[in-house]
Protein backbone atom coordinates (compact mmCIF):
# COMPACT_ATOMS: atom_id res chain seq x y z
CA MET A 1 104.30 115.43 87.46
CA SER A 2 102.99 114.53 84.01
CA GLY A 3 100.93 111.59 82.88
CA VAL A 4 97.69 110.30 84.36
CA ARG A 5 97.23 109.72 88.06
CA LEU A 6 94.35 107.87 89.70
CA SER A 7 93.99 108.01 93.48
CA GLY A 8 91.28 107.12 95.92
CA PHE A 9 89.68 104.21 97.67
CA VAL A 10 88.14 100.80 97.19
CA VAL A 11 85.43 100.55 99.84
CA CYS A 12 84.25 97.06 100.76
CA ALA A 13 80.73 96.61 102.12
CA ASN A 14 81.71 93.64 104.27
CA GLU A 15 84.48 91.20 105.15
CA ARG A 16 83.58 88.92 102.23
CA GLU A 17 84.42 91.69 99.76
CA ALA A 18 87.59 92.56 101.68
CA SER A 19 88.64 88.91 101.50
CA VAL A 20 88.27 88.97 97.71
CA ILE A 21 90.52 92.03 97.57
CA ARG A 22 93.13 90.47 99.90
CA GLN A 23 93.19 87.26 97.89
CA HIS A 24 93.49 88.82 94.43
CA VAL A 25 95.32 92.13 94.90
CA PRO A 26 98.89 90.70 94.82
CA GLU A 27 98.42 89.40 91.27
CA HIS A 28 96.61 92.59 90.22
CA ILE A 29 99.53 94.68 91.51
CA ALA A 30 102.14 92.49 89.80
CA LEU A 31 100.34 92.51 86.45
CA THR A 32 99.76 96.25 86.56
CA ARG A 33 103.34 97.12 87.52
CA ALA A 34 104.51 95.08 84.51
CA GLU A 35 102.35 97.08 82.09
CA ARG A 36 104.00 99.39 79.60
CA GLY A 37 103.70 102.98 80.82
CA CYS A 38 103.03 102.16 84.48
CA LEU A 39 105.18 104.54 86.53
CA SER A 40 103.81 103.48 89.90
CA PHE A 41 100.96 101.39 91.24
CA ASP A 42 99.95 100.70 94.83
CA VAL A 43 96.87 99.22 96.47
CA ARG A 44 97.09 98.80 100.23
CA GLU A 45 94.78 98.21 103.12
CA SER A 46 94.07 101.30 105.21
CA ILE A 47 93.64 101.39 108.97
CA ASP A 48 90.03 100.37 108.24
CA PRO A 49 90.17 96.73 107.03
CA LEU A 50 87.26 97.40 104.65
CA VAL A 51 88.96 100.33 102.89
CA TRP A 52 91.90 100.06 100.47
CA LEU A 53 94.03 103.00 99.35
CA VAL A 54 94.74 103.16 95.62
CA ASP A 55 97.41 105.22 93.88
CA GLU A 56 98.42 104.69 90.28
CA HIS A 57 100.43 106.72 87.81
CA PHE A 58 100.77 106.10 84.06
CA ASP A 59 102.97 108.04 81.66
CA THR A 60 100.36 108.64 78.94
CA ASP A 61 96.62 108.64 78.30
CA GLU A 62 97.15 105.61 76.06
CA ALA A 63 98.93 103.63 78.80
CA PHE A 64 96.18 104.47 81.28
CA ALA A 65 93.47 103.47 78.78
CA ALA A 66 95.26 100.19 78.05
CA HIS A 67 95.43 99.49 81.79
CA GLN A 68 91.72 100.20 82.21
CA ALA A 69 90.89 97.88 79.30
CA ARG A 70 93.08 95.08 80.67
CA VAL A 71 91.55 95.40 84.12
CA ALA A 72 87.99 95.32 82.75
CA SER A 73 88.61 91.96 81.12
CA SER A 74 90.71 90.44 83.93
CA ASP A 75 89.86 88.12 86.83
CA TRP A 76 90.39 91.14 89.12
CA GLY A 77 87.86 93.17 87.16
CA ARG A 78 85.31 90.38 87.13
CA LEU A 79 85.71 89.44 90.82
CA THR A 80 85.68 93.00 92.15
CA GLN A 81 83.23 94.68 89.78
CA GLY A 82 80.54 95.16 92.44
CA ILE A 83 82.88 96.66 95.04
CA GLU A 84 82.61 100.43 95.44
CA ARG A 85 85.35 102.66 94.06
CA ARG A 86 85.90 106.31 94.95
CA TYR A 87 88.54 107.57 92.54
CA THR A 88 89.87 110.90 91.35
CA ILE A 89 91.73 111.03 88.03
CA THR A 90 94.08 113.90 87.28
CA GLY A 91 96.41 114.77 84.44
CA GLY A 92 96.27 113.47 80.93
CA SER A 93 94.57 115.29 78.13
CA ALA A 94 91.10 115.16 79.67
């Protein structure tokens, strides 16, 4: 499969952080899935209510970079910036 794939976890330290994720993830998913070059995007709660599974796939490095830039300046990015991420990125030109 070509393109850029990011997979991993968002790990909340407590229920307050998990509540922020629950409240804001539907809009984050909708906005991301509407982005040019987004082939798939999923963020879902795992069996542990403090851990979220993340899987995203973009068709090009440019599409992935545009997504990262949009997220950094979004409400989602601002509200979740202190929440731990454990991601692996594969594919692309890097």
